[in-house]
Amino acid sequence: MSPLLKAIGLANLDEIERNVFIFVREHVSPDGMLIYPLREMGKNLGYSELEIQRALRNLENLQLVDYREGDDPNDPNMILYKDEWLDMFTQQHTKS
């Protein structure tokens, strides 16, 4: 999929969602996994932990990430990301 179509799809996200998504995409391991505390992600991006959590839930609803909370509040959160999810998302949003 062309970078332009991906950019058009990402333009449909709000600012926090877009920033969180870019952060995930830049920090994810080659196998598509990111284990990271939301508090730290919020500090890096300048948002509260709650704002980060809401953005991840919205990204999950859009099927851009698979977000899982740790069992313990002190556990890092796990986020799964795959390029093909972005491809599917942008195909859906560029057709409309």
PDB file of N, CA and C in Angstrom:
ATOM      1  N   MET A   1       0.847  -1.171   0.000  1.00  0.00           N
ATOM      2  CA  MET A   1       0.000   0.000   0.000  1.00  0.00           C
ATOM      3  C   MET A   1       0.894   1.235   0.000  1.00  0.00           C
ATOM      4  N   SER A   2       0.477   2.229  -0.735  1.00  0.00           N
ATOM      5  CA  SER A   2       1.310   3.426  -0.880  1.00  0.00           C
ATOM      6  C   SER A   2       1.338   4.240   0.414  1.00  0.00           C
ATOM      7  N   PRO A   3       2.446   4.953   0.640  1.00  0.00           N
ATOM      8  CA  PRO A   3       2.529   5.813   1.834  1.00  0.00           C
ATOM      9  C   PRO A   3       1.440   6.881   1.858  1.00  0.00           C
ATOM     10  N   LEU A   4       1.028   7.350   0.694  1.00  0.00           N
ATOM     11  CA  LEU A   4      -0.021   8.373   0.647  1.00  0.00           C
ATOM     12  C   LEU A   4      -1.337   7.820   1.189  1.00  0.00           C
ATOM     13  N   LEU A   5      -1.699   6.599   0.800  1.00  0.00           N
ATOM     14  CA  LEU A   5      -2.938   6.012   1.298  1.00  0.00           C
ATOM     15  C   LEU A   5      -2.869   5.779   2.801  1.00  0.00           C
ATOM     16  N   LYS A   6      -1.706   5.361   3.304  1.00  0.00           N
ATOM     17  CA  LYS A   6      -1.550   5.180   4.747  1.00  0.00           C
ATOM     18  C   LYS A   6      -1.685   6.518   5.466  1.00  0.00           C
ATOM     19  N   ALA A   7      -1.121   7.566   4.892  1.00  0.00           N
ATOM     20  CA  ALA A   7      -1.215   8.900   5.495  1.00  0.00           C
ATOM     21  C   ALA A   7      -2.663   9.370   5.528  1.00  0.00           C
ATOM     22  N   ILE A   8      -3.409   9.107   4.477  1.00  0.00           N
ATOM     23  CA  ILE A   8      -4.823   9.500   4.436  1.00  0.00           C
ATOM     24  C   ILE A   8      -5.600   8.766   5.529  1.00  0.00           C
ATOM     25  N   GLY A   9      -5.340   7.473   5.680  1.00  0.00           N
ATOM     26  CA  GLY A   9      -6.011   6.698   6.728  1.00  0.00           C
ATOM     27  C   GLY A   9      -5.667   7.211   8.106  1.00  0.00           C
ATOM     28  N   LEU A  10      -4.386   7.509   8.338  1.00  0.00           N
ATOM     29  CA  LEU A  10      -3.968   7.999   9.656  1.00  0.00           C
ATOM     30  C   LEU A  10      -4.501   9.392   9.948  1.00  0.00           C
ATOM     31  N   ALA A  11      -4.797  10.154   8.920  1.00  0.00           N
ATOM     32  CA  ALA A  11      -5.352  11.493   9.113  1.00  0.00           C
ATOM     33  C   ALA A  11      -6.727  11.428   9.774  1.00  0.00           C
ATOM     34  N   ASN A  12      -7.373  10.273   9.705  1.00  0.00           N
ATOM     35  CA  ASN A  12      -8.681  10.102  10.335  1.00  0.00           C
ATOM     36  C   ASN A  12      -8.593   9.946  11.850  1.00  0.00           C
ATOM     37  N   LEU A  13      -7.390   9.754  12.384  1.00  0.00           N
ATOM     38  CA  LEU A  13      -7.209   9.619  13.827  1.00  0.00           C
ATOM     39  C   LEU A  13      -7.092  10.998  14.461  1.00  0.00           C
ATOM     40  N   ASP A  14      -7.480  11.105  15.739  1.00  0.00           N
ATOM     41  CA  ASP A  14      -7.261  12.384  16.414  1.00  0.00           C
ATOM     42  C   ASP A  14      -5.791  12.491  16.819  1.00  0.00           C
ATOM     43  N   GLU A  15      -5.386  13.629  17.327  1.00  0.00           N
ATOM     44  CA  GLU A  15      -3.963  13.903  17.587  1.00  0.00           C
ATOM     45  C   GLU A  15      -3.344  12.906  18.568  1.00  0.00           C
ATOM     46  N   ILE A  16      -4.028  12.639  19.678  1.00  0.00           N
ATOM     47  CA  ILE A  16      -3.475  11.724  20.674  1.00  0.00           C
ATOM     48  C   ILE A  16      -3.356  10.317  20.084  1.00  0.00           C
ATOM     49  N   GLU A  17      -4.418   9.847  19.418  1.00  0.00           N
ATOM     50  CA  GLU A  17      -4.376   8.514  18.820  1.00  0.00           C
ATOM     51  C   GLU A  17      -3.241   8.402  17.812  1.00  0.00           C
ATOM     52  N   ARG A  18      -3.088   9.415  16.992  1.00  0.00           N
ATOM     53  CA  ARG A  18      -2.025   9.406  15.968  1.00  0.00           C
ATOM     54  C   ARG A  18      -0.644   9.366  16.632  1.00  0.00           C
ATOM     55  N   ASN A  19      -0.448  10.186  17.670  1.00  0.00           N
ATOM     56  CA  ASN A  19       0.844  10.207  18.354  1.00  0.00           C
ATOM     57  C   ASN A  19       1.138   8.883  19.056  1.00  0.00           C
ATOM     58  N   VAL A  20       0.128   8.305  19.690  1.00  0.00           N
ATOM     59  CA  VAL A  20       0.303   7.010  20.351  1.00  0.00           C
ATOM     60  C   VAL A  20       0.602   5.939  19.307  1.00  0.00           C
ATOM     61  N   PHE A  21      -0.134   5.954  18.218  1.00  0.00           N
ATOM     62  CA  PHE A  21       0.077   4.957  17.167  1.00  0.00           C
ATOM     63  C   PHE A  21       1.490   5.056  16.588  1.00  0.00           C
ATOM     64  N   ILE A  22       1.948   6.262  16.330  1.00  0.00           N
ATOM     65  CA  ILE A  22       3.307   6.459  15.793  1.00  0.00           C
ATOM     66  C   ILE A  22       4.335   5.981  16.808  1.00  0.00           C
ATOM     67  N   PHE A  23       4.114   6.283  18.094  1.00  0.00           N
ATOM     68  CA  PHE A  23       5.024   5.817  19.139  1.00  0.00           C
ATOM     69  C   PHE A  23       5.103   4.297  19.131  1.00  0.00           C
ATOM     70  N   VAL A  24       3.951   3.640  19.082  1.00  0.00           N
ATOM     71  CA  VAL A  24       3.925   2.173  19.064  1.00  0.00           C
ATOM     72  C   VAL A  24       4.667   1.655  17.842  1.00  0.00           C
ATOM     73  N   ARG A  25       4.375   2.221  16.706  1.00  0.00           N
ATOM     74  CA  ARG A  25       4.997   1.756  15.466  1.00  0.00           C
ATOM     75  C   ARG A  25       6.516   1.927  15.482  1.00  0.00           C
ATOM     76  N   GLU A  26       6.997   2.987  16.096  1.00  0.00           N
ATOM     77  CA  GLU A  26       8.436   3.250  16.153  1.00  0.00           C
ATOM     78  C   GLU A  26       9.156   2.395  17.200  1.00  0.00           C
ATOM     79  N   HIS A  27       8.447   1.937  18.231  1.00  0.00           N
ATOM     80  CA  HIS A  27       9.088   1.218  19.329  1.00  0.00           C
ATOM     81  C   HIS A  27       8.805  -0.288  19.344  1.00  0.00           C
ATOM     82  N   VAL A  28       7.954  -0.747  18.466  1.00  0.00           N
ATOM     83  CA  VAL A  28       7.581  -2.161  18.459  1.00  0.00           C
ATOM     84  C   VAL A  28       8.769  -3.020  18.032  1.00  0.00           C
ATOM     85  N   SER A  29       8.847  -4.222  18.587  1.00  0.00           N
ATOM     86  CA  SER A  29       9.916  -5.153  18.220  1.00  0.00           C
ATOM     87  C   SER A  29       9.616  -5.741  16.836  1.00  0.00           C
ATOM     88  N   PRO A  30      10.600  -6.384  16.214  1.00  0.00           N
ATOM     89  CA  PRO A  30      10.361  -6.966  14.876  1.00  0.00           C
ATOM     90  C   PRO A  30       9.213  -7.977  14.840  1.00  0.00           C
ATOM     91  N   ASP A  31       8.908  -8.605  15.980  1.00  0.00           N
ATOM     92  CA  ASP A  31       7.796  -9.565  15.991  1.00  0.00           C
ATOM     93  C   ASP A  31       6.445  -8.892  16.260  1.00  0.00           C
ATOM     94  N   GLY A  32       6.426  -7.563  16.323  1.00  0.00           N
ATOM     95  CA  GLY A  32       5.164  -6.838  16.461  1.00  0.00           C
ATOM     96  C   GLY A  32       4.694  -6.655  17.887  1.00  0.00           C
ATOM     97  N   MET A  33       5.583  -6.790  18.858  1.00  0.00           N
ATOM     98  CA  MET A  33       5.170  -6.677  20.252  1.00  0.00           C
ATOM     99  C   MET A  33       5.880  -5.500  20.927  1.00  0.00           C
ATOM    100  N   LEU A  34       5.136  -4.813  21.758  1.00  0.00           N
ATOM    101  CA  LEU A  34       5.682  -3.728  22.565  1.00  0.00           C
ATOM    102  C   LEU A  34       5.186  -3.926  23.993  1.00  0.00           C
ATOM    103  N   ILE A  35       6.110  -4.088  24.921  1.00  0.00           N
ATOM    104  CA  ILE A  35       5.748  -4.206  26.329  1.00  0.00           C
ATOM    105  C   ILE A  35       6.266  -2.930  26.983  1.00  0.00           C
ATOM    106  N   TYR A  36       5.313  -2.098  27.412  1.00  0.00           N
ATOM    107  CA  TYR A  36       5.682  -0.744  27.818  1.00  0.00           C
ATOM    108  C   TYR A  36       4.666  -0.222  28.826  1.00  0.00           C
ATOM    109  N   PRO A  37       5.100   0.404  29.900  1.00  0.00           N
ATOM    110  CA  PRO A  37       4.137   0.978  30.849  1.00  0.00           C
ATOM    111  C   PRO A  37       3.464   2.225  30.267  1.00  0.00           C
ATOM    112  N   LEU A  38       2.161   2.313  30.417  1.00  0.00           N
ATOM    113  CA  LEU A  38       1.421   3.473  29.889  1.00  0.00           C
ATOM    114  C   LEU A  38       1.899   4.768  30.519  1.00  0.00           C
ATOM    115  N   ARG A  39       2.262   4.709  31.793  1.00  0.00           N
ATOM    116  CA  ARG A  39       2.732   5.912  32.482  1.00  0.00           C
ATOM    117  C   ARG A  39       3.962   6.477  31.772  1.00  0.00           C
ATOM    118  N   GLU A  40       4.889   5.586  31.394  1.00  0.00           N
ATOM    119  CA  GLU A  40       6.107   6.024  30.703  1.00  0.00           C
ATOM    120  C   GLU A  40       5.797   6.544  29.303  1.00  0.00           C
ATOM    121  N   MET A  41       4.879   5.894  28.614  1.00  0.00           N
ATOM    122  CA  MET A  41       4.490   6.362  27.285  1.00  0.00           C
ATOM    123  C   MET A  41       3.886   7.759  27.406  1.00  0.00           C
ATOM    124  N   GLY A  42       3.062   7.968  28.422  1.00  0.00           N
ATOM    125  CA  GLY A  42       2.458   9.274  28.646  1.00  0.00           C
ATOM    126  C   GLY A  42       3.505  10.339  28.914  1.00  0.00           C
ATOM    127  N   LYS A  43       4.504   9.997  29.732  1.00  0.00           N
ATOM    128  CA  LYS A  43       5.576  10.957  30.009  1.00  0.00           C
ATOM    129  C   LYS A  43       6.320  11.328  28.736  1.00  0.00           C
ATOM    130  N   ASN A  44       6.606  10.343  27.909  1.00  0.00           N
ATOM    131  CA  ASN A  44       7.329  10.601  26.652  1.00  0.00           C
ATOM    132  C   ASN A  44       6.521  11.460  25.685  1.00  0.00           C
ATOM    133  N   LEU A  45       5.213  11.265  25.668  1.00  0.00           N
ATOM    134  CA  LEU A  45       4.369  11.969  24.696  1.00  0.00           C
ATOM    135  C   LEU A  45       3.699  13.220  25.257  1.00  0.00           C
ATOM    136  N   GLY A  46       3.746  13.400  26.580  1.00  0.00           N
ATOM    137  CA  GLY A  46       3.135  14.586  27.185  1.00  0.00           C
ATOM    138  C   GLY A  46       1.648  14.439  27.441  1.00  0.00           C
ATOM    139  N   TYR A  47       1.174  13.203  27.651  1.00  0.00           N
ATOM    140  CA  TYR A  47      -0.233  12.944  27.946  1.00  0.00           C
ATOM    141  C   TYR A  47      -0.336  12.193  29.263  1.00  0.00           C
ATOM    142  N   SER A  48      -1.527  12.187  29.841  1.00  0.00           N
ATOM    143  CA  SER A  48      -1.742  11.417  31.068  1.00  0.00           C
ATOM    144  C   SER A  48      -1.868   9.936  30.726  1.00  0.00           C
ATOM    145  N   GLU A  49      -1.708   9.124  31.747  1.00  0.00           N
ATOM    146  CA  GLU A  49      -1.857   7.674  31.561  1.00  0.00           C
ATOM    147  C   GLU A  49      -3.270   7.342  31.071  1.00  0.00           C
ATOM    148  N   LEU A  50      -4.272   8.041  31.592  1.00  0.00           N
ATOM    149  CA  LEU A  50      -5.656   7.809  31.181  1.00  0.00           C
ATOM    150  C   LEU A  50      -5.858   8.162  29.709  1.00  0.00           C
ATOM    151  N   GLU A  51      -5.271   9.277  29.257  1.00  0.00           N
ATOM    152  CA  GLU A  51      -5.385   9.650  27.844  1.00  0.00           C
ATOM    153  C   GLU A  51      -4.738   8.595  26.937  1.00  0.00           C
ATOM    154  N   ILE A  52      -3.592   8.073  27.369  1.00  0.00           N
ATOM    155  CA  ILE A  52      -2.912   7.034  26.602  1.00  0.00           C
ATOM    156  C   ILE A  52      -3.774   5.779  26.548  1.00  0.00           C
ATOM    157  N   GLN A  53      -4.346   5.407  27.688  1.00  0.00           N
ATOM    158  CA  GLN A  53      -5.192   4.213  27.739  1.00  0.00           C
ATOM    159  C   GLN A  53      -6.407   4.364  26.827  1.00  0.00           C
ATOM    160  N   ARG A  54      -7.048   5.530  26.858  1.00  0.00           N
ATOM    161  CA  ARG A  54      -8.204   5.782  25.971  1.00  0.00           C
ATOM    162  C   ARG A  54      -7.802   5.689  24.510  1.00  0.00           C
ATOM    163  N   ALA A  55      -6.667   6.293  24.160  1.00  0.00           N
ATOM    164  CA  ALA A  55      -6.197   6.263  22.777  1.00  0.00           C
ATOM    165  C   ALA A  55      -5.931   4.827  22.331  1.00  0.00           C
ATOM    166  N   LEU A  56      -5.303   4.023  23.202  1.00  0.00           N
ATOM    167  CA  LEU A  56      -5.037   2.625  22.848  1.00  0.00           C
ATOM    168  C   LEU A  56      -6.330   1.840  22.679  1.00  0.00           C
ATOM    169  N   ARG A  57      -7.310   2.101  23.534  1.00  0.00           N
ATOM    170  CA  ARG A  57      -8.613   1.421  23.393  1.00  0.00           C
ATOM    171  C   ARG A  57      -9.273   1.800  22.060  1.00  0.00           C
ATOM    172  N   ASN A  58      -9.201   3.084  21.696  1.00  0.00           N
ATOM    173  CA  ASN A  58      -9.761   3.513  20.411  1.00  0.00           C
ATOM    174  C   ASN A  58      -9.009   2.878  19.248  1.00  0.00           C
ATOM    175  N   LEU A  59      -7.676   2.816  19.344  1.00  0.00           N
ATOM    176  CA  LEU A  59      -6.883   2.175  18.292  1.00  0.00           C
ATOM    177  C   LEU A  59      -7.209   0.686  18.190  1.00  0.00           C
ATOM    178  N   GLU A  60      -7.493   0.075  19.342  1.00  0.00           N
ATOM    179  CA  GLU A  60      -7.881  -1.334  19.341  1.00  0.00           C
ATOM    180  C   GLU A  60      -9.249  -1.500  18.682  1.00  0.00           C
ATOM    181  N   ASN A  61     -10.188  -0.593  18.984  1.00  0.00           N
ATOM    182  CA  ASN A  61     -11.516  -0.650  18.357  1.00  0.00           C
ATOM    183  C   ASN A  61     -11.426  -0.486  16.845  1.00  0.00           C
ATOM    184  N   LEU A  62     -10.444   0.291  16.390  1.00  0.00           N
ATOM    185  CA  LEU A  62     -10.224   0.469  14.949  1.00  0.00           C
ATOM    186  C   LEU A  62      -9.404  -0.673  14.349  1.00  0.00           C
ATOM    187  N   GLN A  63      -9.021  -1.625  15.188  1.00  0.00           N
ATOM    188  CA  GLN A  63      -8.236  -2.795  14.798  1.00  0.00           C
ATOM    189  C   GLN A  63      -6.852  -2.429  14.265  1.00  0.00           C
ATOM    190  N   LEU A  64      -6.239  -1.418  14.887  1.00  0.00           N
ATOM    191  CA  LEU A  64      -4.866  -1.039  14.546  1.00  0.00           C
ATOM    192  C   LEU A  64      -3.854  -1.643  15.506  1.00  0.00           C
ATOM    193  N   VAL A  65      -4.282  -1.943  16.725  1.00  0.00           N
ATOM    194  CA  VAL A  65      -3.416  -2.582  17.715  1.00  0.00           C
ATOM    195  C   VAL A  65      -4.252  -3.586  18.501  1.00  0.00           C
ATOM    196  N   ASP A  66      -3.569  -4.459  19.196  1.00  0.00           N
ATOM    197  CA  ASP A  66      -4.198  -5.372  20.152  1.00  0.00           C
ATOM    198  C   ASP A  66      -3.595  -5.002  21.502  1.00  0.00           C
ATOM    199  N   TYR A  67      -4.393  -4.402  22.362  1.00  0.00           N
ATOM    200  CA  TYR A  67      -3.905  -3.848  23.633  1.00  0.00           C
ATOM    201  C   TYR A  67      -4.308  -4.763  24.779  1.00  0.00           C
ATOM    202  N   ARG A  68      -3.346  -5.112  25.617  1.00  0.00           N
ATOM    203  CA  ARG A  68      -3.619  -5.977  26.772  1.00  0.00           C
ATOM    204  C   ARG A  68      -3.005  -5.366  28.025  1.00  0.00           C
ATOM    205  N   GLU A  69      -3.790  -5.291  29.066  1.00  0.00           N
ATOM    206  CA  GLU A  69      -3.302  -4.752  30.337  1.00  0.00           C
ATOM    207  C   GLU A  69      -2.634  -5.858  31.130  1.00  0.00           C
ATOM    208  N   GLY A  70      -1.613  -5.485  31.901  1.00  0.00           N
ATOM    209  CA  GLY A  70      -0.954  -6.440  32.781  1.00  0.00           C
ATOM    210  C   GLY A  70      -1.870  -6.846  33.922  1.00  0.00           C
ATOM    211  N   ASP A  71      -1.601  -8.001  34.514  1.00  0.00           N
ATOM    212  CA  ASP A  71      -2.422  -8.487  35.623  1.00  0.00           C
ATOM    213  C   ASP A  71      -2.331  -7.577  36.842  1.00  0.00           C
ATOM    214  N   ASP A  72      -1.174  -7.032  37.058  1.00  0.00           N
ATOM    215  CA  ASP A  72      -0.909  -6.175  38.217  1.00  0.00           C
ATOM    216  C   ASP A  72      -0.775  -4.738  37.719  1.00  0.00           C
ATOM    217  N   PRO A  73      -1.304  -3.743  38.429  1.00  0.00           N
ATOM    218  CA  PRO A  73      -1.185  -2.353  37.983  1.00  0.00           C
ATOM    219  C   PRO A  73       0.260  -1.903  37.755  1.00  0.00           C
ATOM    220  N   ASN A  74       1.212  -2.572  38.411  1.00  0.00           N
ATOM    221  CA  ASN A  74       2.618  -2.215  38.224  1.00  0.00           C
ATOM    222  C   ASN A  74       3.251  -2.920  37.027  1.00  0.00           C
ATOM    223  N   ASP A  75       2.538  -3.881  36.439  1.00  0.00           N
ATOM    224  CA  ASP A  75       3.052  -4.583  35.259  1.00  0.00           C
ATOM    225  C   ASP A  75       3.007  -3.663  34.044  1.00  0.00           C
ATOM    226  N   PRO A  76       3.956  -3.832  33.144  1.00  0.00           N
ATOM    227  CA  PRO A  76       3.859  -3.066  31.899  1.00  0.00           C
ATOM    228  C   PRO A  76       2.710  -3.596  31.050  1.00  0.00           C
ATOM    229  N   ASN A  77       2.225  -2.755  30.186  1.00  0.00           N
ATOM    230  CA  ASN A  77       1.145  -3.143  29.290  1.00  0.00           C
ATOM    231  C   ASN A  77       1.736  -3.718  28.013  1.00  0.00           C
ATOM    232  N   MET A  78       1.002  -4.608  27.376  1.00  0.00           N
ATOM    233  CA  MET A  78       1.475  -5.225  26.157  1.00  0.00           C
ATOM    234  C   MET A  78       0.618  -4.744  24.980  1.00  0.00           C
ATOM    235  N   ILE A  79       1.285  -4.360  23.922  1.00  0.00           N
ATOM    236  CA  ILE A  79       0.603  -3.874  22.734  1.00  0.00           C
ATOM    237  C   ILE A  79       1.135  -4.662  21.547  1.00  0.00           C
ATOM    238  N   LEU A  80       0.249  -5.226  20.770  1.00  0.00           N
ATOM    239  CA  LEU A  80       0.645  -5.948  19.565  1.00  0.00           C
ATOM    240  C   LEU A  80       0.267  -5.104  18.353  1.00  0.00           C
ATOM    241  N   TYR A  81       1.161  -5.035  17.402  1.00  0.00           N
ATOM    242  CA  TYR A  81       0.946  -4.228  16.196  1.00  0.00           C
ATOM    243  C   TYR A  81       1.460  -5.003  14.992  1.00  0.00           C
ATOM    244  N   LYS A  82       0.721  -4.982  13.901  1.00  0.00           N
ATOM    245  CA  LYS A  82       1.177  -5.608  12.660  1.00  0.00           C
ATOM    246  C   LYS A  82       0.885  -4.660  11.507  1.00  0.00           C
ATOM    247  N   ASP A  83       1.851  -4.553  10.589  1.00  0.00           N
ATOM    248  CA  ASP A  83       1.678  -3.657   9.435  1.00  0.00           C
ATOM    249  C   ASP A  83       0.414  -3.961   8.647  1.00  0.00           C
ATOM    250  N   GLU A  84       0.047  -5.237   8.551  1.00  0.00           N
ATOM    251  CA  GLU A  84      -1.144  -5.574   7.760  1.00  0.00           C
ATOM    252  C   GLU A  84      -2.419  -5.006   8.382  1.00  0.00           C
ATOM    253  N   TRP A  85      -2.418  -4.776   9.706  1.00  0.00           N
ATOM    254  CA  TRP A  85      -3.584  -4.143  10.329  1.00  0.00           C
ATOM    255  C   TRP A  85      -3.726  -2.710   9.838  1.00  0.00           C
ATOM    256  N   LEU A  86      -2.597  -2.020   9.697  1.00  0.00           N
ATOM    257  CA  LEU A  86      -2.629  -0.657   9.166  1.00  0.00           C
ATOM    258  C   LEU A  86      -3.092  -0.673   7.717  1.00  0.00           C
ATOM    259  N   ASP A  87      -2.633  -1.647   6.942  1.00  0.00           N
ATOM    260  CA  ASP A  87      -3.073  -1.756   5.546  1.00  0.00           C
ATOM    261  C   ASP A  87      -4.586  -1.942   5.456  1.00  0.00           C
ATOM    262  N   MET A  88      -5.138  -2.831   6.302  1.00  0.00           N
ATOM    263  CA  MET A  88      -6.591  -3.049   6.284  1.00  0.00           C
ATOM    264  C   MET A  88      -7.334  -1.786   6.691  1.00  0.00           C
ATOM    265  N   PHE A  89      -6.833  -1.103   7.723  1.00  0.00           N
ATOM    266  CA  PHE A  89      -7.465   0.125   8.207  1.00  0.00           C
ATOM    267  C   PHE A  89      -7.473   1.198   7.123  1.00  0.00           C
ATOM    268  N   THR A  90      -6.341   1.384   6.454  1.00  0.00           N
ATOM    269  CA  THR A  90      -6.275   2.454   5.460  1.00  0.00           C
ATOM    270  C   THR A  90      -7.117   2.124   4.240  1.00  0.00           C
ATOM    271  N   GLN A  91      -7.241   0.864   3.908  1.00  0.00           N
ATOM    272  CA  GLN A  91      -8.119   0.499   2.789  1.00  0.00           C
ATOM    273  C   GLN A  91      -9.560   0.855   3.126  1.00  0.00           C
ATOM    274  N   GLN A  92      -9.968   0.600   4.363  1.00  0.00           N
ATOM    275  CA  GLN A  92     -11.335   0.917   4.789  1.00  0.00           C
ATOM    276  C   GLN A  92     -11.597   2.404   4.781  1.00  0.00           C
ATOM    277  N   HIS A  93     -10.623   3.214   5.212  1.00  0.00           N
ATOM    278  CA  HIS A  93     -10.843   4.643   5.364  1.00  0.00           C
ATOM    279  C   HIS A  93     -10.557   5.454   4.107  1.00  0.00           C
ATOM    280  N   THR A  94      -9.897   4.879   3.124  1.00  0.00           N
ATOM    281  CA  THR A  94      -9.680   5.622   1.887  1.00  0.00           C
ATOM    282  C   THR A  94     -10.804   5.363   0.891  1.00  0.00           C
ATOM    283  N   LYS A  95     -11.604   4.346   1.127  1.00  0.00           N
ATOM    284  CA  LYS A  95     -12.743   4.072   0.239  1.00  0.00           C
ATOM    285  C   LYS A  95     -13.901   5.003   0.525  1.00  0.00           C
ATOM    286  N   SER A  96     -13.986   5.487   1.775  1.00  0.00           N
ATOM    287  CA  SER A  96     -15.131   6.334   2.153  1.00  0.00           C
ATOM    288  C   SER A  96     -14.944   7.778   1.793  1.00  0.00           C
TER     289      SER A  96
END
